[in-house]
ModelCIF file with pLDDT and N, C-alpha, C, O atoms, coordinates in Angstrom:
data_MODEL
#
_entry.id   MODEL 
#
_entity.id                         1 
_entity.type                       polymer 
_entity.pdbx_number_of_molecules   1 
#
_entity_poly.entity_id                      1 
_entity_poly.type                           'polypeptide(L)' 
_entity_poly.nstd_linkage                   no 
_entity_poly.nstd_monomer                   no 
_entity_poly.pdbx_seq_one_letter_code       
;(UNK)(UNK)(UNK)(UNK)(UNK)(UNK)(UNK)(UNK)(UNK)(UNK)(UNK)(UNK)(UNK)(UNK)(UNK)(UNK)
(UNK)(UNK)(UNK)(UNK)(UNK)(UNK)(UNK)(UNK)(UNK)(UNK)(UNK)(UNK)(UNK)(UNK)(UNK)(UNK)
(UNK)(UNK)(UNK)(UNK)(UNK)(UNK)
;
_entity_poly.pdbx_seq_one_letter_code_can   XXXXXXXXXXXXXXXXXXXXXXXXXXXXXXXXXXXXXX 
_entity_poly.pdbx_strand_id                 A 
#
loop_
_entity_poly_seq.entity_id 
_entity_poly_seq.num 
_entity_poly_seq.mon_id 
_entity_poly_seq.hetero 
1 1  UNK n 
1 2  UNK n 
1 3  UNK n 
1 4  UNK n 
1 5  UNK n 
1 6  UNK n 
1 7  UNK n 
1 8  UNK n 
1 9  UNK n 
1 10 UNK n 
1 11 UNK n 
1 12 UNK n 
1 13 UNK n 
1 14 UNK n 
1 15 UNK n 
1 16 UNK n 
1 17 UNK n 
1 18 UNK n 
1 19 UNK n 
1 20 UNK n 
1 21 UNK n 
1 22 UNK n 
1 23 UNK n 
1 24 UNK n 
1 25 UNK n 
1 26 UNK n 
1 27 UNK n 
1 28 UNK n 
1 29 UNK n 
1 30 UNK n 
1 31 UNK n 
1 32 UNK n 
1 33 UNK n 
1 34 UNK n 
1 35 UNK n 
1 36 UNK n 
1 37 UNK n 
1 38 UNK n 
#
_struct_asym.id          A 
_struct_asym.entity_id   1 
#
loop_
_ma_qa_metric.id 
_ma_qa_metric.mode 
_ma_qa_metric.name 
_ma_qa_metric.software_group_id 
_ma_qa_metric.type 
1 global pLDDT . pLDDT 
2 local  pLDDT . pLDDT 
#
_ma_qa_metric_global.metric_id      1 
_ma_qa_metric_global.metric_value   67.37 
_ma_qa_metric_global.model_id       1 
_ma_qa_metric_global.ordinal_id     1 
#
loop_
_ma_qa_metric_local.label_asym_id 
_ma_qa_metric_local.label_comp_id 
_ma_qa_metric_local.label_seq_id 
_ma_qa_metric_local.metric_id 
_ma_qa_metric_local.metric_value 
_ma_qa_metric_local.model_id 
_ma_qa_metric_local.ordinal_id 
A UNK 1  2 57.00 1 1  
A UNK 2  2 53.00 1 2  
A UNK 3  2 54.00 1 3  
A UNK 4  2 54.00 1 4  
A UNK 5  2 53.00 1 5  
A UNK 6  2 49.00 1 6  
A UNK 7  2 52.00 1 7  
A UNK 8  2 50.00 1 8  
A UNK 9  2 49.00 1 9  
A UNK 10 2 54.00 1 10 
A UNK 11 2 53.00 1 11 
A UNK 12 2 54.00 1 12 
A UNK 13 2 52.00 1 13 
A UNK 14 2 53.00 1 14 
A UNK 15 2 54.00 1 15 
A UNK 16 2 51.00 1 16 
A UNK 17 2 52.00 1 17 
A UNK 18 2 55.00 1 18 
A UNK 19 2 54.00 1 19 
A UNK 20 2 58.00 1 20 
A UNK 21 2 69.00 1 21 
A UNK 22 2 70.00 1 22 
A UNK 23 2 76.00 1 23 
A UNK 24 2 78.00 1 24 
A UNK 25 2 79.00 1 25 
A UNK 26 2 83.00 1 26 
A UNK 27 2 83.00 1 27 
A UNK 28 2 83.00 1 28 
A UNK 29 2 84.00 1 29 
A UNK 30 2 87.00 1 30 
A UNK 31 2 87.00 1 31 
A UNK 32 2 85.00 1 32 
A UNK 33 2 86.00 1 33 
A UNK 34 2 88.00 1 34 
A UNK 35 2 89.00 1 35 
A UNK 36 2 90.00 1 36 
A UNK 37 2 90.00 1 37 
A UNK 38 2 92.00 1 38 
#
loop_
_atom_site.group_PDB 
_atom_site.id 
_atom_site.type_symbol 
_atom_site.label_atom_id 
_atom_site.label_alt_id 
_atom_site.label_comp_id 
_atom_site.label_asym_id 
_atom_site.label_entity_id 
_atom_site.label_seq_id 
_atom_site.pdbx_PDB_ins_code 
_atom_site.Cartn_x 
_atom_site.Cartn_y 
_atom_site.Cartn_z 
_atom_site.occupancy 
_atom_site.B_iso_or_equiv 
_atom_site.pdbx_formal_charge 
_atom_site.auth_seq_id 
_atom_site.auth_comp_id 
_atom_site.auth_asym_id 
_atom_site.auth_atom_id 
_atom_site.pdbx_PDB_model_num 
ATOM 1   N N  . UNK A 1 1  ? 134.484 -93.962 117.233 1.00 57.00 ? 1  UNK A N  1 
ATOM 2   C CA . UNK A 1 1  ? 134.420 -93.629 118.659 1.00 57.00 ? 1  UNK A CA 1 
ATOM 3   C C  . UNK A 1 1  ? 135.662 -92.822 119.034 1.00 57.00 ? 1  UNK A C  1 
ATOM 4   O O  . UNK A 1 1  ? 136.591 -93.370 119.627 1.00 57.00 ? 1  UNK A O  1 
ATOM 5   N N  . UNK A 1 2  ? 135.694 -91.562 118.707 1.00 53.00 ? 2  UNK A N  1 
ATOM 6   C CA . UNK A 1 2  ? 136.880 -90.758 119.015 1.00 53.00 ? 2  UNK A CA 1 
ATOM 7   C C  . UNK A 1 2  ? 137.020 -90.548 120.514 1.00 53.00 ? 2  UNK A C  1 
ATOM 8   O O  . UNK A 1 2  ? 136.040 -90.330 121.227 1.00 53.00 ? 2  UNK A O  1 
ATOM 9   N N  . UNK A 1 3  ? 138.274 -90.619 120.977 1.00 54.00 ? 3  UNK A N  1 
ATOM 10  C CA . UNK A 1 3  ? 138.548 -90.455 122.396 1.00 54.00 ? 3  UNK A CA 1 
ATOM 11  C C  . UNK A 1 3  ? 138.771 -88.997 122.772 1.00 54.00 ? 3  UNK A C  1 
ATOM 12  O O  . UNK A 1 3  ? 138.658 -88.637 123.943 1.00 54.00 ? 3  UNK A O  1 
ATOM 13  N N  . UNK A 1 4  ? 139.082 -88.166 121.803 1.00 54.00 ? 4  UNK A N  1 
ATOM 14  C CA . UNK A 1 4  ? 139.314 -86.762 122.088 1.00 54.00 ? 4  UNK A CA 1 
ATOM 15  C C  . UNK A 1 4  ? 138.663 -85.928 121.000 1.00 54.00 ? 4  UNK A C  1 
ATOM 16  O O  . UNK A 1 4  ? 138.252 -86.449 119.963 1.00 54.00 ? 4  UNK A O  1 
ATOM 17  N N  . UNK A 1 5  ? 138.576 -84.672 121.238 1.00 53.00 ? 5  UNK A N  1 
ATOM 18  C CA . UNK A 1 5  ? 137.954 -83.777 120.278 1.00 53.00 ? 5  UNK A CA 1 
ATOM 19  C C  . UNK A 1 5  ? 138.821 -83.653 119.034 1.00 53.00 ? 5  UNK A C  1 
ATOM 20  O O  . UNK A 1 5  ? 140.036 -83.496 119.153 1.00 53.00 ? 5  UNK A O  1 
ATOM 21  N N  . UNK A 1 6  ? 138.232 -83.719 117.847 1.00 49.00 ? 6  UNK A N  1 
ATOM 22  C CA . UNK A 1 6  ? 139.035 -83.576 116.631 1.00 49.00 ? 6  UNK A CA 1 
ATOM 23  C C  . UNK A 1 6  ? 139.630 -82.186 116.532 1.00 49.00 ? 6  UNK A C  1 
ATOM 24  O O  . UNK A 1 6  ? 138.977 -81.185 116.826 1.00 49.00 ? 6  UNK A O  1 
ATOM 25  N N  . UNK A 1 7  ? 140.881 -82.149 116.113 1.00 52.00 ? 7  UNK A N  1 
ATOM 26  C CA . UNK A 1 7  ? 141.586 -80.885 115.986 1.00 52.00 ? 7  UNK A CA 1 
ATOM 27  C C  . UNK A 1 7  ? 141.481 -80.382 114.558 1.00 52.00 ? 7  UNK A C  1 
ATOM 28  O O  . UNK A 1 7  ? 141.816 -81.105 113.619 1.00 52.00 ? 7  UNK A O  1 
ATOM 29  N N  . UNK A 1 8  ? 141.031 -79.176 114.388 1.00 50.00 ? 8  UNK A N  1 
ATOM 30  C CA . UNK A 1 8  ? 140.870 -78.602 113.053 1.00 50.00 ? 8  UNK A CA 1 
ATOM 31  C C  . UNK A 1 8  ? 142.225 -78.172 112.509 1.00 50.00 ? 8  UNK A C  1 
ATOM 32  O O  . UNK A 1 8  ? 143.158 -77.905 113.267 1.00 50.00 ? 8  UNK A O  1 
ATOM 33  N N  . UNK A 1 9  ? 142.319 -78.109 111.197 1.00 49.00 ? 9  UNK A N  1 
ATOM 34  C CA . UNK A 1 9  ? 143.545 -77.652 110.559 1.00 49.00 ? 9  UNK A CA 1 
ATOM 35  C C  . UNK A 1 9  ? 143.766 -76.179 110.845 1.00 49.00 ? 9  UNK A C  1 
ATOM 36  O O  . UNK A 1 9  ? 142.805 -75.420 110.967 1.00 49.00 ? 9  UNK A O  1 
ATOM 37  N N  . UNK A 1 10 ? 145.039 -75.758 110.955 1.00 54.00 ? 10 UNK A N  1 
ATOM 38  C CA . UNK A 1 10 ? 145.294 -74.335 111.204 1.00 54.00 ? 10 UNK A CA 1 
ATOM 39  C C  . UNK A 1 10 ? 144.747 -73.441 110.106 1.00 54.00 ? 10 UNK A C  1 
ATOM 40  O O  . UNK A 1 10 ? 144.194 -72.375 110.375 1.00 54.00 ? 10 UNK A O  1 
ATOM 41  N N  . UNK A 1 11 ? 144.906 -73.885 108.870 1.00 53.00 ? 11 UNK A N  1 
ATOM 42  C CA . UNK A 1 11 ? 144.390 -73.088 107.768 1.00 53.00 ? 11 UNK A CA 1 
ATOM 43  C C  . UNK A 1 11 ? 142.885 -72.978 107.792 1.00 53.00 ? 11 UNK A C  1 
ATOM 44  O O  . UNK A 1 11 ? 142.333 -71.924 107.476 1.00 53.00 ? 11 UNK A O  1 
ATOM 45  N N  . UNK A 1 12 ? 142.208 -74.059 108.165 1.00 54.00 ? 12 UNK A N  1 
ATOM 46  C CA . UNK A 1 12 ? 140.745 -74.039 108.219 1.00 54.00 ? 12 UNK A CA 1 
ATOM 47  C C  . UNK A 1 12 ? 140.252 -73.134 109.330 1.00 54.00 ? 12 UNK A C  1 
ATOM 48  O O  . UNK A 1 12 ? 139.271 -72.412 109.153 1.00 54.00 ? 12 UNK A O  1 
ATOM 49  N N  . UNK A 1 13 ? 140.945 -73.165 110.515 1.00 52.00 ? 13 UNK A N  1 
ATOM 50  C CA . UNK A 1 13 ? 140.525 -72.299 111.621 1.00 52.00 ? 13 UNK A CA 1 
ATOM 51  C C  . UNK A 1 13 ? 140.728 -70.829 111.282 1.00 52.00 ? 13 UNK A C  1 
ATOM 52  O O  . UNK A 1 13 ? 139.870 -69.992 111.563 1.00 52.00 ? 13 UNK A O  1 
ATOM 53  N N  . UNK A 1 14 ? 141.881 -70.522 110.670 1.00 53.00 ? 14 UNK A N  1 
ATOM 54  C CA . UNK A 1 14 ? 142.137 -69.133 110.294 1.00 53.00 ? 14 UNK A CA 1 
ATOM 55  C C  . UNK A 1 14 ? 141.161 -68.651 109.239 1.00 53.00 ? 14 UNK A C  1 
ATOM 56  O O  . UNK A 1 14 ? 140.708 -67.507 109.277 1.00 53.00 ? 14 UNK A O  1 
ATOM 57  N N  . UNK A 1 15 ? 140.836 -69.531 108.290 1.00 54.00 ? 15 UNK A N  1 
ATOM 58  C CA . UNK A 1 15 ? 139.892 -69.145 107.248 1.00 54.00 ? 15 UNK A CA 1 
ATOM 59  C C  . UNK A 1 15 ? 138.489 -68.952 107.810 1.00 54.00 ? 15 UNK A C  1 
ATOM 60  O O  . UNK A 1 15 ? 137.748 -68.078 107.361 1.00 54.00 ? 15 UNK A O  1 
ATOM 61  N N  . UNK A 1 16 ? 138.127 -69.777 108.802 1.00 51.00 ? 16 UNK A N  1 
ATOM 62  C CA . UNK A 1 16 ? 136.801 -69.622 109.403 1.00 51.00 ? 16 UNK A CA 1 
ATOM 63  C C  . UNK A 1 16 ? 136.696 -68.320 110.185 1.00 51.00 ? 16 UNK A C  1 
ATOM 64  O O  . UNK A 1 16 ? 135.657 -67.660 110.171 1.00 51.00 ? 16 UNK A O  1 
ATOM 65  N N  . UNK A 1 17 ? 137.797 -67.948 110.878 1.00 52.00 ? 17 UNK A N  1 
ATOM 66  C CA . UNK A 1 17 ? 137.777 -66.704 111.626 1.00 52.00 ? 17 UNK A CA 1 
ATOM 67  C C  . UNK A 1 17 ? 137.736 -65.486 110.705 1.00 52.00 ? 17 UNK A C  1 
ATOM 68  O O  . UNK A 1 17 ? 137.070 -64.494 111.001 1.00 52.00 ? 17 UNK A O  1 
ATOM 69  N N  . UNK A 1 18 ? 138.459 -65.575 109.577 1.00 55.00 ? 18 UNK A N  1 
ATOM 70  C CA . UNK A 1 18 ? 138.492 -64.439 108.654 1.00 55.00 ? 18 UNK A CA 1 
ATOM 71  C C  . UNK A 1 18 ? 137.292 -64.399 107.726 1.00 55.00 ? 18 UNK A C  1 
ATOM 72  O O  . UNK A 1 18 ? 137.082 -63.406 107.029 1.00 55.00 ? 18 UNK A O  1 
ATOM 73  N N  . UNK A 1 19 ? 136.513 -65.452 107.706 1.00 54.00 ? 19 UNK A N  1 
ATOM 74  C CA . UNK A 1 19 ? 135.354 -65.484 106.830 1.00 54.00 ? 19 UNK A CA 1 
ATOM 75  C C  . UNK A 1 19 ? 135.702 -65.770 105.387 1.00 54.00 ? 19 UNK A C  1 
ATOM 76  O O  . UNK A 1 19 ? 134.946 -65.412 104.484 1.00 54.00 ? 19 UNK A O  1 
ATOM 77  N N  . UNK A 1 20 ? 136.850 -66.419 105.155 1.00 58.00 ? 20 UNK A N  1 
ATOM 78  C CA . UNK A 1 20 ? 137.294 -66.746 103.801 1.00 58.00 ? 20 UNK A CA 1 
ATOM 79  C C  . UNK A 1 20 ? 137.006 -68.211 103.534 1.00 58.00 ? 20 UNK A C  1 
ATOM 80  O O  . UNK A 1 20 ? 137.108 -69.043 104.435 1.00 58.00 ? 20 UNK A O  1 
ATOM 81  N N  . UNK A 1 21 ? 136.647 -68.525 102.307 1.00 69.00 ? 21 UNK A N  1 
ATOM 82  C CA . UNK A 1 21 ? 136.363 -69.904 101.945 1.00 69.00 ? 21 UNK A CA 1 
ATOM 83  C C  . UNK A 1 21 ? 137.651 -70.723 101.950 1.00 69.00 ? 21 UNK A C  1 
ATOM 84  O O  . UNK A 1 21 ? 138.648 -70.329 101.345 1.00 69.00 ? 21 UNK A O  1 
ATOM 85  N N  . UNK A 1 22 ? 137.620 -71.858 102.632 1.00 70.00 ? 22 UNK A N  1 
ATOM 86  C CA . UNK A 1 22 ? 138.802 -72.717 102.786 1.00 70.00 ? 22 UNK A CA 1 
ATOM 87  C C  . UNK A 1 22 ? 138.842 -73.732 101.653 1.00 70.00 ? 22 UNK A C  1 
ATOM 88  O O  . UNK A 1 22 ? 137.808 -74.269 101.256 1.00 70.00 ? 22 UNK A O  1 
ATOM 89  N N  . UNK A 1 23 ? 140.045 -73.995 101.131 1.00 76.00 ? 23 UNK A N  1 
ATOM 90  C CA . UNK A 1 23 ? 140.232 -74.944 100.032 1.00 76.00 ? 23 UNK A CA 1 
ATOM 91  C C  . UNK A 1 23 ? 141.156 -76.067 100.491 1.00 76.00 ? 23 UNK A C  1 
ATOM 92  O O  . UNK A 1 23 ? 142.303 -75.824 100.867 1.00 76.00 ? 23 UNK A O  1 
ATOM 93  N N  . UNK A 1 24 ? 140.646 -77.299 100.458 1.00 78.00 ? 24 UNK A N  1 
ATOM 94  C CA . UNK A 1 24 ? 141.470 -78.443 100.833 1.00 78.00 ? 24 UNK A CA 1 
ATOM 95  C C  . UNK A 1 24 ? 142.617 -78.658 99.860  1.00 78.00 ? 24 UNK A C  1 
ATOM 96  O O  . UNK A 1 24 ? 143.725 -79.000 100.272 1.00 78.00 ? 24 UNK A O  1 
ATOM 97  N N  . UNK A 1 25 ? 142.361 -78.462 98.580  1.00 79.00 ? 25 UNK A N  1 
ATOM 98  C CA . UNK A 1 25 ? 143.396 -78.672 97.573  1.00 79.00 ? 25 UNK A CA 1 
ATOM 99  C C  . UNK A 1 25 ? 144.550 -77.686 97.747  1.00 79.00 ? 25 UNK A C  1 
ATOM 100 O O  . UNK A 1 25 ? 145.719 -78.056 97.629  1.00 79.00 ? 25 UNK A O  1 
ATOM 101 N N  . UNK A 1 26 ? 144.212 -76.442 98.027  1.00 83.00 ? 26 UNK A N  1 
ATOM 102 C CA . UNK A 1 26 ? 145.252 -75.433 98.243  1.00 83.00 ? 26 UNK A CA 1 
ATOM 103 C C  . UNK A 1 26 ? 146.071 -75.745 99.489  1.00 83.00 ? 26 UNK A C  1 
ATOM 104 O O  . UNK A 1 26 ? 147.291 -75.579 99.495  1.00 83.00 ? 26 UNK A O  1 
ATOM 105 N N  . UNK A 1 27 ? 145.397 -76.198 100.543 1.00 83.00 ? 27 UNK A N  1 
ATOM 106 C CA . UNK A 1 27 ? 146.110 -76.532 101.778 1.00 83.00 ? 27 UNK A CA 1 
ATOM 107 C C  . UNK A 1 27 ? 147.004 -77.758 101.587 1.00 83.00 ? 27 UNK A C  1 
ATOM 108 O O  . UNK A 1 27 ? 148.117 -77.797 102.112 1.00 83.00 ? 27 UNK A O  1 
ATOM 109 N N  . UNK A 1 28 ? 146.531 -78.755 100.843 1.00 83.00 ? 28 UNK A N  1 
ATOM 110 C CA . UNK A 1 28 ? 147.359 -79.928 100.558 1.00 83.00 ? 28 UNK A CA 1 
ATOM 111 C C  . UNK A 1 28 ? 148.581 -79.553 99.726  1.00 83.00 ? 28 UNK A C  1 
ATOM 112 O O  . UNK A 1 28 ? 149.682 -80.041 99.981  1.00 83.00 ? 28 UNK A O  1 
ATOM 113 N N  . UNK A 1 29 ? 148.391 -78.693 98.738  1.00 84.00 ? 29 UNK A N  1 
ATOM 114 C CA . UNK A 1 29 ? 149.525 -78.236 97.941  1.00 84.00 ? 29 UNK A CA 1 
ATOM 115 C C  . UNK A 1 29 ? 150.534 -77.461 98.761  1.00 84.00 ? 29 UNK A C  1 
ATOM 116 O O  . UNK A 1 29 ? 151.740 -77.597 98.556  1.00 84.00 ? 29 UNK A O  1 
ATOM 117 N N  . UNK A 1 30 ? 150.051 -76.651 99.685  1.00 87.00 ? 30 UNK A N  1 
ATOM 118 C CA . UNK A 1 30 ? 150.971 -75.890 100.535 1.00 87.00 ? 30 UNK A CA 1 
ATOM 119 C C  . UNK A 1 30 ? 151.776 -76.823 101.437 1.00 87.00 ? 30 UNK A C  1 
ATOM 120 O O  . UNK A 1 30 ? 152.977 -76.625 101.623 1.00 87.00 ? 30 UNK A O  1 
ATOM 121 N N  . UNK A 1 31 ? 151.113 -77.849 102.003 1.00 87.00 ? 31 UNK A N  1 
ATOM 122 C CA . UNK A 1 31 ? 151.823 -78.790 102.863 1.00 87.00 ? 31 UNK A CA 1 
ATOM 123 C C  . UNK A 1 31 ? 152.816 -79.645 102.083 1.00 87.00 ? 31 UNK A C  1 
ATOM 124 O O  . UNK A 1 31 ? 153.917 -79.922 102.561 1.00 87.00 ? 31 UNK A O  1 
ATOM 125 N N  . UNK A 1 32 ? 152.417 -80.069 100.859 1.00 85.00 ? 32 UNK A N  1 
ATOM 126 C CA . UNK A 1 32 ? 153.305 -80.922 100.074 1.00 85.00 ? 32 UNK A CA 1 
ATOM 127 C C  . UNK A 1 32 ? 154.582 -80.203 99.675  1.00 85.00 ? 32 UNK A C  1 
ATOM 128 O O  . UNK A 1 32 ? 155.666 -80.787 99.706  1.00 85.00 ? 32 UNK A O  1 
ATOM 129 N N  . UNK A 1 33 ? 154.458 -78.943 99.302  1.00 86.00 ? 33 UNK A N  1 
ATOM 130 C CA . UNK A 1 33 ? 155.623 -78.220 98.791  1.00 86.00 ? 33 UNK A CA 1 
ATOM 131 C C  . UNK A 1 33 ? 156.333 -77.381 99.851  1.00 86.00 ? 33 UNK A C  1 
ATOM 132 O O  . UNK A 1 33 ? 157.222 -76.595 99.523  1.00 86.00 ? 33 UNK A O  1 
ATOM 133 N N  . UNK A 1 34 ? 155.947 -77.539 101.119 1.00 88.00 ? 34 UNK A N  1 
ATOM 134 C CA . UNK A 1 34 ? 156.671 -76.846 102.195 1.00 88.00 ? 34 UNK A CA 1 
ATOM 135 C C  . UNK A 1 34 ? 157.184 -77.858 103.221 1.00 88.00 ? 34 UNK A C  1 
ATOM 136 O O  . UNK A 1 34 ? 158.393 -78.059 103.334 1.00 88.00 ? 34 UNK A O  1 
ATOM 137 N N  . UNK A 1 35 ? 156.284 -78.493 103.967 1.00 89.00 ? 35 UNK A N  1 
ATOM 138 C CA . UNK A 1 35 ? 156.707 -79.406 105.022 1.00 89.00 ? 35 UNK A CA 1 
ATOM 139 C C  . UNK A 1 35 ? 157.090 -80.786 104.503 1.00 89.00 ? 35 UNK A C  1 
ATOM 140 O O  . UNK A 1 35 ? 157.967 -81.438 105.069 1.00 89.00 ? 35 UNK A O  1 
ATOM 141 N N  . UNK A 1 36 ? 156.445 -81.235 103.438 1.00 90.00 ? 36 UNK A N  1 
ATOM 142 C CA . UNK A 1 36 ? 156.693 -82.593 102.923 1.00 90.00 ? 36 UNK A CA 1 
ATOM 143 C C  . UNK A 1 36 ? 157.359 -82.556 101.554 1.00 90.00 ? 36 UNK A C  1 
ATOM 144 O O  . UNK A 1 36 ? 157.104 -83.423 100.718 1.00 90.00 ? 36 UNK A O  1 
ATOM 145 N N  . UNK A 1 37 ? 158.202 -81.571 101.317 1.00 90.00 ? 37 UNK A N  1 
ATOM 146 C CA . UNK A 1 37 ? 158.856 -81.450 100.019 1.00 90.00 ? 37 UNK A CA 1 
ATOM 147 C C  . UNK A 1 37 ? 159.875 -82.563 99.800  1.00 90.00 ? 37 UNK A C  1 
ATOM 148 O O  . UNK A 1 37 ? 159.935 -83.141 98.715  1.00 90.00 ? 37 UNK A O  1 
ATOM 149 N N  . UNK A 1 38 ? 160.672 -82.866 100.812 1.00 92.00 ? 38 UNK A N  1 
ATOM 150 C CA . UNK A 1 38 ? 161.682 -83.915 100.667 1.00 92.00 ? 38 UNK A CA 1 
ATOM 151 C C  . UNK A 1 38 ? 161.057 -85.300 100.435 1.00 92.00 ? 38 UNK A C  1 
ATOM 152 O O  . UNK A 1 38 ? 161.779 -86.287 100.293 1.00 92.00 ? 38 UNK A O  1 
#
């Protein structure tokens, strides 16, 4: 029972607009080695 609209990932929204296939594994790797590296 979500109280608000689910927010899409930035990478997924950009990929949907550009018509490129989105990869969850690639996005997880990018987040792990950039924002969550420490």
